[in-house]
Amino acid sequence: MQKSVPETPETQSGFSPTEFFGDTREELSKVIWPSQQQWIGESAAVILMVTLVATTIYLVDNLFSWLAKAVF
C-alpha cells in the first residue's frame, strides 16, 4: 500500500511575520467577543468556583491533619 500524497500544495518554508500577523488579525476579526455583562458574570462564576474548591481543599487538608495528630 502506498502512502497518500497530501492534497494541499507545499507552502514556502520558513516563517513570515507579515503573513502571521495578517492571518492573526483575520482570525481575530471572526471572534464573537462577549458583552461586558457576560464577561463580568462568567468571571464572577470562575472566581466563586476557585474560592469554593480552594476552601474545600483547605478544610479536607485540616481534617486529615487533625485525624493524623489524633491517631499518631
PDB file of N, CA and C in Angstrom:
ATOM      1  N   MET A   1       0.823  -1.180   0.000  1.00  0.00           N
ATOM      2  CA  MET A   1       0.000   0.000   0.000  1.00  0.00           C
ATOM      3  C   MET A   1       0.874   1.252   0.000  1.00  0.00           C
ATOM      4  N   GLN A   2       0.558   2.207  -0.855  1.00  0.00           N
ATOM      5  CA  GLN A   2       1.345   3.429  -0.943  1.00  0.00           C
ATOM      6  C   GLN A   2       0.803   4.472   0.024  1.00  0.00           C
ATOM      7  N   LYS A   3       1.713   5.327   0.469  1.00  0.00           N
ATOM      8  CA  LYS A   3       1.298   6.439   1.325  1.00  0.00           C
ATOM      9  C   LYS A   3       0.543   7.442   0.466  1.00  0.00           C
ATOM     10  N   SER A   4      -0.490   8.051   1.066  1.00  0.00           N
ATOM     11  CA  SER A   4      -1.260   9.033   0.305  1.00  0.00           C
ATOM     12  C   SER A   4      -0.469  10.335   0.203  1.00  0.00           C
ATOM     13  N   VAL A   5      -0.641  10.996  -0.911  1.00  0.00           N
ATOM     14  CA  VAL A   5       0.029  12.262  -1.166  1.00  0.00           C
ATOM     15  C   VAL A   5      -0.855  13.376  -0.618  1.00  0.00           C
ATOM     16  N   PRO A   6      -0.286  14.335   0.108  1.00  0.00           N
ATOM     17  CA  PRO A   6      -1.117  15.422   0.635  1.00  0.00           C
ATOM     18  C   PRO A   6      -1.810  16.175  -0.495  1.00  0.00           C
ATOM     19  N   GLU A   7      -3.053  16.552  -0.235  1.00  0.00           N
ATOM     20  CA  GLU A   7      -3.834  17.228  -1.268  1.00  0.00           C
ATOM     21  C   GLU A   7      -3.467  18.700  -1.403  1.00  0.00           C
ATOM     22  N   THR A   8      -2.936  19.290  -0.336  1.00  0.00           N
ATOM     23  CA  THR A   8      -2.577  20.701  -0.399  1.00  0.00           C
ATOM     24  C   THR A   8      -1.145  20.843  -0.874  1.00  0.00           C
ATOM     25  N   PRO A   9      -0.884  21.817  -1.701  1.00  0.00           N
ATOM     26  CA  PRO A   9       0.488  22.003  -2.181  1.00  0.00           C
ATOM     27  C   PRO A   9       1.390  22.487  -1.058  1.00  0.00           C
ATOM     28  N   GLU A  10       2.656  22.198  -1.187  1.00  0.00           N
ATOM     29  CA  GLU A  10       3.632  22.630  -0.196  1.00  0.00           C
ATOM     30  C   GLU A  10       3.711  24.152  -0.196  1.00  0.00           C
ATOM     31  N   THR A  11       3.774  24.720   1.008  1.00  0.00           N
ATOM     32  CA  THR A  11       3.957  26.167   1.120  1.00  0.00           C
ATOM     33  C   THR A  11       5.434  26.441   1.262  1.00  0.00           C
ATOM     34  N   GLN A  12       5.790  27.692   1.122  1.00  0.00           N
ATOM     35  CA  GLN A  12       7.197  28.027   1.235  1.00  0.00           C
ATOM     36  C   GLN A  12       7.675  27.753   2.648  1.00  0.00           C
ATOM     37  N   SER A  13       8.894  27.305   2.764  1.00  0.00           N
ATOM     38  CA  SER A  13       9.423  27.011   4.088  1.00  0.00           C
ATOM     39  C   SER A  13       9.848  28.310   4.754  1.00  0.00           C
ATOM     40  N   GLY A  14       9.827  28.306   6.087  1.00  0.00           N
ATOM     41  CA  GLY A  14      10.227  29.486   6.827  1.00  0.00           C
ATOM     42  C   GLY A  14       9.036  30.186   7.440  1.00  0.00           C
ATOM     43  N   PHE A  15       9.326  31.202   8.211  1.00  0.00           N
ATOM     44  CA  PHE A  15       8.312  31.949   8.938  1.00  0.00           C
ATOM     45  C   PHE A  15       8.251  33.364   8.403  1.00  0.00           C
ATOM     46  N   SER A  16       7.043  33.808   8.112  1.00  0.00           N
ATOM     47  CA  SER A  16       6.853  35.164   7.627  1.00  0.00           C
ATOM     48  C   SER A  16       6.043  35.954   8.662  1.00  0.00           C
ATOM     49  N   PRO A  17       6.675  36.870   9.380  1.00  0.00           N
ATOM     50  CA  PRO A  17       5.944  37.645  10.391  1.00  0.00           C
ATOM     51  C   PRO A  17       4.776  38.434   9.797  1.00  0.00           C
ATOM     52  N   THR A  18       4.955  38.945   8.607  1.00  0.00           N
ATOM     53  CA  THR A  18       3.882  39.706   7.971  1.00  0.00           C
ATOM     54  C   THR A  18       2.662  38.833   7.726  1.00  0.00           C
ATOM     55  N   GLU A  19       2.889  37.643   7.200  1.00  0.00           N
ATOM     56  CA  GLU A  19       1.791  36.717   6.944  1.00  0.00           C
ATOM     57  C   GLU A  19       1.160  36.258   8.259  1.00  0.00           C
ATOM     58  N   PHE A  20       1.999  36.005   9.262  1.00  0.00           N
ATOM     59  CA  PHE A  20       1.495  35.556  10.559  1.00  0.00           C
ATOM     60  C   PHE A  20       0.559  36.594  11.164  1.00  0.00           C
ATOM     61  N   PHE A  21       0.994  37.856  11.219  1.00  0.00           N
ATOM     62  CA  PHE A  21       0.160  38.895  11.826  1.00  0.00           C
ATOM     63  C   PHE A  21      -1.080  39.191  10.989  1.00  0.00           C
ATOM     64  N   GLY A  22      -0.964  39.067   9.683  1.00  0.00           N
ATOM     65  CA  GLY A  22      -2.139  39.236   8.823  1.00  0.00           C
ATOM     66  C   GLY A  22      -3.168  38.143   9.076  1.00  0.00           C
ATOM     67  N   ASP A  23      -2.706  36.894   9.174  1.00  0.00           N
ATOM     68  CA  ASP A  23      -3.608  35.776   9.464  1.00  0.00           C
ATOM     69  C   ASP A  23      -4.212  35.904  10.861  1.00  0.00           C
ATOM     70  N   THR A  24      -3.399  36.340  11.818  1.00  0.00           N
ATOM     71  CA  THR A  24      -3.898  36.526  13.185  1.00  0.00           C
ATOM     72  C   THR A  24      -4.988  37.581  13.224  1.00  0.00           C
ATOM     73  N   ARG A  25      -4.767  38.679  12.542  1.00  0.00           N
ATOM     74  CA  ARG A  25      -5.772  39.749  12.504  1.00  0.00           C
ATOM     75  C   ARG A  25      -7.071  39.258  11.859  1.00  0.00           C
ATOM     76  N   GLU A  26      -6.946  38.474  10.802  1.00  0.00           N
ATOM     77  CA  GLU A  26      -8.115  37.928  10.115  1.00  0.00           C
ATOM     78  C   GLU A  26      -8.908  37.000  11.036  1.00  0.00           C
ATOM     79  N   GLU A  27      -8.203  36.133  11.770  1.00  0.00           N
ATOM     80  CA  GLU A  27      -8.879  35.212  12.680  1.00  0.00           C
ATOM     81  C   GLU A  27      -9.532  35.958  13.838  1.00  0.00           C
ATOM     82  N   LEU A  28      -8.867  36.969  14.365  1.00  0.00           N
ATOM     83  CA  LEU A  28      -9.440  37.735  15.475  1.00  0.00           C
ATOM     84  C   LEU A  28     -10.684  38.516  15.050  1.00  0.00           C
ATOM     85  N   SER A  29     -10.782  38.849  13.771  1.00  0.00           N
ATOM     86  CA  SER A  29     -11.980  39.550  13.306  1.00  0.00           C
ATOM     87  C   SER A  29     -13.191  38.618  13.263  1.00  0.00           C
ATOM     88  N   LYS A  30     -12.954  37.293  13.278  1.00  0.00           N
ATOM     89  CA  LYS A  30     -14.046  36.318  13.258  1.00  0.00           C
ATOM     90  C   LYS A  30     -14.567  35.996  14.655  1.00  0.00           C
ATOM     91  N   VAL A  31     -13.832  36.422  15.696  1.00  0.00           N
ATOM     92  CA  VAL A  31     -14.193  36.095  17.072  1.00  0.00           C
ATOM     93  C   VAL A  31     -15.441  36.881  17.481  1.00  0.00           C
ATOM     94  N   ILE A  32     -16.350  36.191  18.153  1.00  0.00           N
ATOM     95  CA  ILE A  32     -17.521  36.858  18.716  1.00  0.00           C
ATOM     96  C   ILE A  32     -17.182  37.161  20.168  1.00  0.00           C
ATOM     97  N   TRP A  33     -16.899  38.423  20.458  1.00  0.00           N
ATOM     98  CA  TRP A  33     -16.465  38.824  21.781  1.00  0.00           C
ATOM     99  C   TRP A  33     -17.672  38.914  22.716  1.00  0.00           C
ATOM    100  N   PRO A  34     -17.506  38.509  23.990  1.00  0.00           N
ATOM    101  CA  PRO A  34     -18.626  38.577  24.940  1.00  0.00           C
ATOM    102  C   PRO A  34     -18.927  40.021  25.329  1.00  0.00           C
ATOM    103  N   SER A  35     -20.173  40.231  25.731  1.00  0.00           N
ATOM    104  CA  SER A  35     -20.556  41.555  26.204  1.00  0.00           C
ATOM    105  C   SER A  35     -19.948  41.770  27.588  1.00  0.00           C
ATOM    106  N   GLN A  36     -19.980  43.022  28.052  1.00  0.00           N
ATOM    107  CA  GLN A  36     -19.412  43.320  29.351  1.00  0.00           C
ATOM    108  C   GLN A  36     -20.167  42.581  30.456  1.00  0.00           C
ATOM    109  N   GLN A  37     -21.483  42.504  30.344  1.00  0.00           N
ATOM    110  CA  GLN A  37     -22.294  41.812  31.344  1.00  0.00           C
ATOM    111  C   GLN A  37     -21.949  40.316  31.369  1.00  0.00           C
ATOM    112  N   GLN A  38     -21.812  39.711  30.204  1.00  0.00           N
ATOM    113  CA  GLN A  38     -21.459  38.294  30.130  1.00  0.00           C
ATOM    114  C   GLN A  38     -20.059  38.069  30.690  1.00  0.00           C
ATOM    115  N   TRP A  39     -19.128  38.947  30.372  1.00  0.00           N
ATOM    116  CA  TRP A  39     -17.753  38.837  30.846  1.00  0.00           C
ATOM    117  C   TRP A  39     -17.703  38.908  32.367  1.00  0.00           C
ATOM    118  N   ILE A  40     -18.439  39.857  32.950  1.00  0.00           N
ATOM    119  CA  ILE A  40     -18.462  40.017  34.409  1.00  0.00           C
ATOM    120  C   ILE A  40     -19.093  38.796  35.063  1.00  0.00           C
ATOM    121  N   GLY A  41     -20.210  38.307  34.512  1.00  0.00           N
ATOM    122  CA  GLY A  41     -20.875  37.138  35.077  1.00  0.00           C
ATOM    123  C   GLY A  41     -20.014  35.897  35.053  1.00  0.00           C
ATOM    124  N   GLU A  42     -19.353  35.653  33.941  1.00  0.00           N
ATOM    125  CA  GLU A  42     -18.502  34.470  33.828  1.00  0.00           C
ATOM    126  C   GLU A  42     -17.255  34.590  34.693  1.00  0.00           C
ATOM    127  N   SER A  43     -16.715  35.786  34.814  1.00  0.00           N
ATOM    128  CA  SER A  43     -15.557  35.989  35.692  1.00  0.00           C
ATOM    129  C   SER A  43     -15.947  35.756  37.143  1.00  0.00           C
ATOM    130  N   ALA A  44     -17.120  36.239  37.539  1.00  0.00           N
ATOM    131  CA  ALA A  44     -17.591  36.017  38.912  1.00  0.00           C
ATOM    132  C   ALA A  44     -17.796  34.524  39.174  1.00  0.00           C
ATOM    133  N   ALA A  45     -18.327  33.803  38.202  1.00  0.00           N
ATOM    134  CA  ALA A  45     -18.530  32.362  38.364  1.00  0.00           C
ATOM    135  C   ALA A  45     -17.197  31.639  38.536  1.00  0.00           C
ATOM    136  N   VAL A  46     -16.191  32.016  37.775  1.00  0.00           N
ATOM    137  CA  VAL A  46     -14.868  31.389  37.892  1.00  0.00           C
ATOM    138  C   VAL A  46     -14.266  31.695  39.258  1.00  0.00           C
ATOM    139  N   ILE A  47     -14.336  32.943  39.687  1.00  0.00           N
ATOM    140  CA  ILE A  47     -13.784  33.315  40.993  1.00  0.00           C
ATOM    141  C   ILE A  47     -14.510  32.567  42.107  1.00  0.00           C
ATOM    142  N   LEU A  48     -15.827  32.451  42.009  1.00  0.00           N
ATOM    143  CA  LEU A  48     -16.605  31.719  43.012  1.00  0.00           C
ATOM    144  C   LEU A  48     -16.192  30.250  43.068  1.00  0.00           C
ATOM    145  N   MET A  49     -16.070  29.608  41.914  1.00  0.00           N
ATOM    146  CA  MET A  49     -15.704  28.192  41.881  1.00  0.00           C
ATOM    147  C   MET A  49     -14.292  27.964  42.417  1.00  0.00           C
ATOM    148  N   VAL A  50     -13.357  28.833  42.066  1.00  0.00           N
ATOM    149  CA  VAL A  50     -11.988  28.700  42.567  1.00  0.00           C
ATOM    150  C   VAL A  50     -11.979  28.851  44.086  1.00  0.00           C
ATOM    151  N   THR A  51     -12.745  29.808  44.599  1.00  0.00           N
ATOM    152  CA  THR A  51     -12.835  30.017  46.045  1.00  0.00           C
ATOM    153  C   THR A  51     -13.437  28.801  46.734  1.00  0.00           C
ATOM    154  N   LEU A  52     -14.511  28.249  46.168  1.00  0.00           N
ATOM    155  CA  LEU A  52     -15.143  27.071  46.762  1.00  0.00           C
ATOM    156  C   LEU A  52     -14.214  25.856  46.761  1.00  0.00           C
ATOM    157  N   VAL A  53     -13.538  25.621  45.667  1.00  0.00           N
ATOM    158  CA  VAL A  53     -12.629  24.473  45.584  1.00  0.00           C
ATOM    159  C   VAL A  53     -11.452  24.660  46.535  1.00  0.00           C
ATOM    160  N   ALA A  54     -10.888  25.857  46.591  1.00  0.00           N
ATOM    161  CA  ALA A  54      -9.762  26.112  47.498  1.00  0.00           C
ATOM    162  C   ALA A  54     -10.188  25.938  48.953  1.00  0.00           C
ATOM    163  N   THR A  55     -11.376  26.417  49.299  1.00  0.00           N
ATOM    164  CA  THR A  55     -11.882  26.258  50.664  1.00  0.00           C
ATOM    165  C   THR A  55     -12.102  24.794  51.004  1.00  0.00           C
ATOM    166  N   THR A  56     -12.664  24.045  50.068  1.00  0.00           N
ATOM    167  CA  THR A  56     -12.890  22.611  50.285  1.00  0.00           C
ATOM    168  C   THR A  56     -11.573  21.878  50.494  1.00  0.00           C
ATOM    169  N   ILE A  57     -10.589  22.156  49.672  1.00  0.00           N
ATOM    170  CA  ILE A  57      -9.281  21.510  49.817  1.00  0.00           C
ATOM    171  C   ILE A  57      -8.659  21.892  51.160  1.00  0.00           C
ATOM    172  N   TYR A  58      -8.768  23.144  51.544  1.00  0.00           N
ATOM    173  CA  TYR A  58      -8.236  23.590  52.833  1.00  0.00           C
ATOM    174  C   TYR A  58      -8.897  22.846  53.984  1.00  0.00           C
ATOM    175  N   LEU A  59     -10.223  22.729  53.958  1.00  0.00           N
ATOM    176  CA  LEU A  59     -10.943  22.056  55.040  1.00  0.00           C
ATOM    177  C   LEU A  59     -10.615  20.562  55.099  1.00  0.00           C
ATOM    178  N   VAL A  60     -10.558  19.916  53.961  1.00  0.00           N
ATOM    179  CA  VAL A  60     -10.211  18.487  53.926  1.00  0.00           C
ATOM    180  C   VAL A  60      -8.777  18.289  54.420  1.00  0.00           C
ATOM    181  N   ASP A  61      -7.871  19.160  54.033  1.00  0.00           N
ATOM    182  CA  ASP A  61      -6.486  19.072  54.491  1.00  0.00           C
ATOM    183  C   ASP A  61      -6.418  19.213  56.010  1.00  0.00           C
ATOM    184  N   ASN A  62      -7.149  20.185  56.557  1.00  0.00           N
ATOM    185  CA  ASN A  62      -7.165  20.350  58.011  1.00  0.00           C
ATOM    186  C   ASN A  62      -7.791  19.147  58.706  1.00  0.00           C
ATOM    187  N   LEU A  63      -8.819  18.569  58.118  1.00  0.00           N
ATOM    188  CA  LEU A  63      -9.446  17.389  58.697  1.00  0.00           C
ATOM    189  C   LEU A  63      -8.455  16.233  58.761  1.00  0.00           C
ATOM    190  N   PHE A  64      -7.758  15.964  57.662  1.00  0.00           N
ATOM    191  CA  PHE A  64      -6.777  14.880  57.647  1.00  0.00           C
ATOM    192  C   PHE A  64      -5.608  15.176  58.583  1.00  0.00           C
ATOM    193  N   SER A  65      -5.216  16.427  58.684  1.00  0.00           N
ATOM    194  CA  SER A  65      -4.151  16.803  59.602  1.00  0.00           C
ATOM    195  C   SER A  65      -4.581  16.538  61.040  1.00  0.00           C
ATOM    196  N   TRP A  66      -5.783  16.927  61.378  1.00  0.00           N
ATOM    197  CA  TRP A  66      -6.321  16.681  62.731  1.00  0.00           C
ATOM    198  C   TRP A  66      -6.425  15.181  63.018  1.00  0.00           C
ATOM    199  N   LEU A  67      -6.920  14.416  62.029  1.00  0.00           N
ATOM    200  CA  LEU A  67      -7.017  12.970  62.198  1.00  0.00           C
ATOM    201  C   LEU A  67      -5.636  12.330  62.393  1.00  0.00           C
ATOM    202  N   ALA A  68      -4.648  12.793  61.645  1.00  0.00           N
ATOM    203  CA  ALA A  68      -3.306  12.247  61.767  1.00  0.00           C
ATOM    204  C   ALA A  68      -2.728  12.523  63.151  1.00  0.00           C
ATOM    205  N   LYS A  69      -2.962  13.720  63.661  1.00  0.00           N
ATOM    206  CA  LYS A  69      -2.481  14.063  65.004  1.00  0.00           C
ATOM    207  C   LYS A  69      -3.214  13.248  66.065  1.00  0.00           C
ATOM    208  N   ALA A  70      -4.499  12.979  65.856  1.00  0.00           N
ATOM    209  CA  ALA A  70      -5.275  12.213  66.830  1.00  0.00           C
ATOM    210  C   ALA A  70      -4.840  10.747  66.847  1.00  0.00           C
ATOM    211  N   VAL A  71      -4.476  10.209  65.704  1.00  0.00           N
ATOM    212  CA  VAL A  71      -4.091   8.801  65.610  1.00  0.00           C
ATOM    213  C   VAL A  71      -2.647   8.610  66.066  1.00  0.00           C
ATOM    214  N   PHE A  72      -1.764   9.482  65.661  1.00  0.00           N
ATOM    215  CA  PHE A  72      -0.341   9.309  65.959  1.00  0.00           C
ATOM    216  C   PHE A  72       0.009  10.212  67.099  1.00  0.00           C
TER     217      PHE A  72
END
